[in-house]
Amino acid sequence: MNAFVVAAIAVLVGVVPCAVVARRGKMIEAVVAYEAITDLMVMALILLSEGFGRSGEFELAVVLAVLMIGGGLVFVRTLERWL
């Protein structure tokens, strides 16, 4: 294990509190937690692709980051009627 893999594990540990807030928090807190989880997951994918030396998975992380922005906007738009 190198430093990138250790950093990815540390980033993934940060997902746990966000998941708790997304599950138990108010609606607006869940939206913020969702956005934080997507950011952390993209960062973990980038760190893992660098840590394992597989540049092909780096493209997956970039595409996922772009798609998550749109997904977050759709999620907020759907929840707008309850906020």
N, C-alpha and C. Protein backbone atom coordinates (compact mmCIF):
# COMPACT_ATOMS: atom_id res chain seq x y z
N MET A 1 0.85 -1.18 0.00
CA MET A 1 0.00 0.00 0.00
C MET A 1 0.89 1.24 0.00
N ASN A 2 0.55 2.16 -0.88
CA ASN A 2 1.29 3.40 -0.91
C ASN A 2 0.45 4.53 -0.31
N ALA A 3 0.98 5.74 -0.39
CA ALA A 3 0.32 6.88 0.26
C ALA A 3 -1.03 7.20 -0.38
N PHE A 4 -1.17 6.97 -1.67
CA PHE A 4 -2.43 7.28 -2.34
C PHE A 4 -3.56 6.35 -1.87
N VAL A 5 -3.26 5.11 -1.67
CA VAL A 5 -4.27 4.16 -1.21
C VAL A 5 -4.67 4.48 0.24
N VAL A 6 -3.69 4.83 1.06
CA VAL A 6 -3.99 5.20 2.45
C VAL A 6 -4.85 6.46 2.48
N ALA A 7 -4.54 7.43 1.62
CA ALA A 7 -5.35 8.65 1.56
C ALA A 7 -6.77 8.34 1.08
N ALA A 8 -6.91 7.41 0.14
CA ALA A 8 -8.25 7.03 -0.33
C ALA A 8 -9.06 6.38 0.78
N ILE A 9 -8.41 5.57 1.59
CA ILE A 9 -9.12 4.95 2.72
C ILE A 9 -9.56 6.02 3.71
N ALA A 10 -8.70 7.00 3.95
CA ALA A 10 -9.06 8.09 4.87
C ALA A 10 -10.23 8.90 4.32
N VAL A 11 -10.24 9.12 3.02
CA VAL A 11 -11.36 9.85 2.41
C VAL A 11 -12.65 9.05 2.52
N LEU A 12 -12.56 7.74 2.32
CA LEU A 12 -13.75 6.90 2.42
C LEU A 12 -14.30 6.83 3.84
N VAL A 13 -13.44 6.97 4.83
CA VAL A 13 -13.92 7.03 6.22
C VAL A 13 -14.75 8.29 6.43
N GLY A 14 -14.41 9.36 5.70
CA GLY A 14 -15.18 10.59 5.80
C GLY A 14 -16.58 10.50 5.22
N VAL A 15 -16.86 9.45 4.47
CA VAL A 15 -18.20 9.27 3.90
C VAL A 15 -19.20 8.85 4.97
N VAL A 16 -18.73 8.17 5.99
CA VAL A 16 -19.64 7.63 7.02
C VAL A 16 -20.45 8.74 7.72
N PRO A 17 -19.83 9.82 8.22
CA PRO A 17 -20.66 10.86 8.85
C PRO A 17 -21.62 11.52 7.87
N CYS A 18 -21.20 11.66 6.63
CA CYS A 18 -22.10 12.25 5.63
C CYS A 18 -23.29 11.34 5.37
N ALA A 19 -23.06 10.04 5.37
CA ALA A 19 -24.16 9.10 5.16
C ALA A 19 -25.14 9.14 6.32
N VAL A 20 -24.63 9.30 7.53
CA VAL A 20 -25.52 9.40 8.70
C VAL A 20 -26.38 10.65 8.60
N VAL A 21 -25.77 11.77 8.20
CA VAL A 21 -26.53 13.01 8.06
C VAL A 21 -27.54 12.88 6.93
N ALA A 22 -27.15 12.24 5.84
CA ALA A 22 -28.08 12.06 4.72
C ALA A 22 -29.27 11.20 5.12
N ARG A 23 -29.04 10.26 6.00
CA ARG A 23 -30.12 9.35 6.42
C ARG A 23 -31.02 9.97 7.48
N ARG A 24 -30.42 10.68 8.43
CA ARG A 24 -31.19 11.14 9.59
C ARG A 24 -31.47 12.63 9.63
N GLY A 25 -30.80 13.40 8.79
CA GLY A 25 -30.95 14.85 8.83
C GLY A 25 -32.21 15.33 8.14
N LYS A 26 -32.41 16.64 8.19
CA LYS A 26 -33.52 17.25 7.48
C LYS A 26 -33.26 17.17 5.99
N MET A 27 -34.24 17.57 5.21
CA MET A 27 -34.13 17.44 3.76
C MET A 27 -32.97 18.25 3.19
N ILE A 28 -32.83 19.48 3.61
CA ILE A 28 -31.76 20.32 3.09
C ILE A 28 -30.39 19.80 3.54
N GLU A 29 -30.31 19.26 4.74
CA GLU A 29 -29.06 18.66 5.22
C GLU A 29 -28.71 17.41 4.41
N ALA A 30 -29.73 16.66 4.00
CA ALA A 30 -29.50 15.47 3.18
C ALA A 30 -28.95 15.85 1.81
N VAL A 31 -29.42 16.95 1.27
CA VAL A 31 -28.91 17.40 -0.03
C VAL A 31 -27.44 17.79 0.08
N VAL A 32 -27.09 18.50 1.12
CA VAL A 32 -25.69 18.89 1.33
C VAL A 32 -24.83 17.66 1.57
N ALA A 33 -25.32 16.72 2.32
CA ALA A 33 -24.57 15.48 2.57
C ALA A 33 -24.40 14.69 1.27
N TYR A 34 -25.41 14.66 0.44
CA TYR A 34 -25.31 13.99 -0.86
C TYR A 34 -24.21 14.60 -1.72
N GLU A 35 -24.18 15.92 -1.77
CA GLU A 35 -23.15 16.59 -2.55
C GLU A 35 -21.76 16.33 -1.96
N ALA A 36 -21.65 16.31 -0.65
CA ALA A 36 -20.35 16.02 -0.02
C ALA A 36 -19.92 14.58 -0.30
N ILE A 37 -20.85 13.65 -0.26
CA ILE A 37 -20.52 12.25 -0.56
C ILE A 37 -20.04 12.11 -2.00
N THR A 38 -20.68 12.79 -2.93
CA THR A 38 -20.24 12.69 -4.31
C THR A 38 -18.84 13.25 -4.49
N ASP A 39 -18.54 14.35 -3.82
CA ASP A 39 -17.19 14.91 -3.90
C ASP A 39 -16.16 13.95 -3.31
N LEU A 40 -16.49 13.37 -2.18
CA LEU A 40 -15.55 12.44 -1.55
C LEU A 40 -15.35 11.17 -2.38
N MET A 41 -16.40 10.68 -3.01
CA MET A 41 -16.27 9.48 -3.82
C MET A 41 -15.41 9.73 -5.07
N VAL A 42 -15.58 10.89 -5.68
CA VAL A 42 -14.75 11.22 -6.83
C VAL A 42 -13.29 11.33 -6.40
N MET A 43 -13.04 11.97 -5.27
CA MET A 43 -11.67 12.09 -4.77
C MET A 43 -11.08 10.71 -4.47
N ALA A 44 -11.88 9.82 -3.89
CA ALA A 44 -11.39 8.48 -3.59
C ALA A 44 -11.07 7.71 -4.87
N LEU A 45 -11.90 7.85 -5.90
CA LEU A 45 -11.61 7.18 -7.16
C LEU A 45 -10.33 7.70 -7.81
N ILE A 46 -10.11 9.00 -7.72
CA ILE A 46 -8.88 9.57 -8.27
C ILE A 46 -7.67 9.06 -7.50
N LEU A 47 -7.76 9.04 -6.19
CA LEU A 47 -6.65 8.55 -5.38
C LEU A 47 -6.37 7.07 -5.62
N LEU A 48 -7.41 6.28 -5.74
CA LEU A 48 -7.22 4.86 -6.00
C LEU A 48 -6.64 4.59 -7.38
N SER A 49 -7.07 5.34 -8.37
CA SER A 49 -6.50 5.13 -9.71
C SER A 49 -5.03 5.51 -9.75
N GLU A 50 -4.65 6.54 -9.04
CA GLU A 50 -3.24 6.90 -8.97
C GLU A 50 -2.46 5.91 -8.11
N GLY A 51 -3.07 5.46 -7.02
CA GLY A 51 -2.40 4.52 -6.13
C GLY A 51 -2.12 3.18 -6.76
N PHE A 52 -3.02 2.70 -7.60
CA PHE A 52 -2.82 1.42 -8.26
C PHE A 52 -2.16 1.56 -9.63
N GLY A 53 -1.89 2.80 -10.03
CA GLY A 53 -1.21 3.02 -11.29
C GLY A 53 -2.04 2.70 -12.52
N ARG A 54 -3.33 2.89 -12.43
CA ARG A 54 -4.22 2.58 -13.55
C ARG A 54 -4.87 3.88 -14.02
N SER A 55 -4.31 4.44 -15.05
CA SER A 55 -4.79 5.74 -15.53
C SER A 55 -6.17 5.66 -16.18
N GLY A 56 -6.60 4.48 -16.58
CA GLY A 56 -7.92 4.33 -17.20
C GLY A 56 -9.06 4.65 -16.25
N GLU A 57 -8.89 4.33 -14.99
CA GLU A 57 -9.93 4.63 -14.02
C GLU A 57 -10.00 6.12 -13.67
N PHE A 58 -8.95 6.86 -13.99
CA PHE A 58 -8.99 8.30 -13.76
C PHE A 58 -10.07 8.95 -14.62
N GLU A 59 -10.24 8.44 -15.83
CA GLU A 59 -11.30 8.96 -16.71
C GLU A 59 -12.68 8.70 -16.13
N LEU A 60 -12.85 7.55 -15.49
CA LEU A 60 -14.12 7.24 -14.83
C LEU A 60 -14.43 8.26 -13.76
N ALA A 61 -13.43 8.64 -12.97
CA ALA A 61 -13.65 9.62 -11.91
C ALA A 61 -14.03 10.99 -12.48
N VAL A 62 -13.41 11.38 -13.58
CA VAL A 62 -13.74 12.68 -14.18
C VAL A 62 -15.15 12.67 -14.75
N VAL A 63 -15.52 11.60 -15.43
CA VAL A 63 -16.88 11.49 -15.97
C VAL A 63 -17.91 11.45 -14.84
N LEU A 64 -17.59 10.73 -13.79
CA LEU A 64 -18.49 10.66 -12.64
C LEU A 64 -18.68 12.03 -12.00
N ALA A 65 -17.61 12.82 -11.92
CA ALA A 65 -17.72 14.16 -11.34
C ALA A 65 -18.65 15.04 -12.17
N VAL A 66 -18.55 14.95 -13.47
CA VAL A 66 -19.43 15.75 -14.33
C VAL A 66 -20.88 15.29 -14.21
N LEU A 67 -21.09 13.98 -14.17
CA LEU A 67 -22.46 13.47 -14.08
C LEU A 67 -23.08 13.73 -12.71
N MET A 68 -22.28 13.75 -11.67
CA MET A 68 -22.81 13.98 -10.33
C MET A 68 -23.30 15.41 -10.15
N ILE A 69 -22.70 16.36 -10.87
CA ILE A 69 -23.19 17.74 -10.80
C ILE A 69 -24.63 17.80 -11.32
N GLY A 70 -24.85 17.19 -12.48
CA GLY A 70 -26.20 17.15 -13.03
C GLY A 70 -27.15 16.35 -12.17
N GLY A 71 -26.67 15.24 -11.60
CA GLY A 71 -27.50 14.43 -10.72
C GLY A 71 -27.91 15.18 -9.47
N GLY A 72 -27.00 15.96 -8.93
CA GLY A 72 -27.33 16.77 -7.76
C GLY A 72 -28.38 17.83 -8.07
N LEU A 73 -28.28 18.42 -9.25
CA LEU A 73 -29.27 19.42 -9.63
C LEU A 73 -30.65 18.80 -9.83
N VAL A 74 -30.69 17.61 -10.41
CA VAL A 74 -31.97 16.91 -10.58
C VAL A 74 -32.54 16.52 -9.22
N PHE A 75 -31.65 16.07 -8.33
CA PHE A 75 -32.08 15.70 -6.99
C PHE A 75 -32.69 16.89 -6.25
N VAL A 76 -32.05 18.04 -6.33
CA VAL A 76 -32.56 19.25 -5.67
C VAL A 76 -33.86 19.69 -6.32
N ARG A 77 -33.94 19.61 -7.62
CA ARG A 77 -35.15 20.01 -8.33
C ARG A 77 -36.33 19.13 -7.92
N THR A 78 -36.07 17.84 -7.77
CA THR A 78 -37.13 16.91 -7.35
C THR A 78 -37.57 17.19 -5.92
N LEU A 79 -36.61 17.49 -5.05
CA LEU A 79 -36.96 17.75 -3.65
C LEU A 79 -37.48 19.16 -3.41
N GLU A 80 -37.43 19.99 -4.41
CA GLU A 80 -37.83 21.39 -4.25
C GLU A 80 -39.28 21.52 -3.79
N ARG A 81 -40.12 20.64 -4.19
CA ARG A 81 -41.51 20.75 -3.78
C ARG A 81 -41.73 20.47 -2.30
N TRP A 82 -40.78 19.76 -1.65
CA TRP A 82 -40.92 19.50 -0.22
C TRP A 82 -40.14 20.46 0.64
N LEU A 83 -39.26 21.26 0.05
CA LEU A 83 -38.43 22.17 0.85
C LEU A 83 -39.14 23.44 1.18
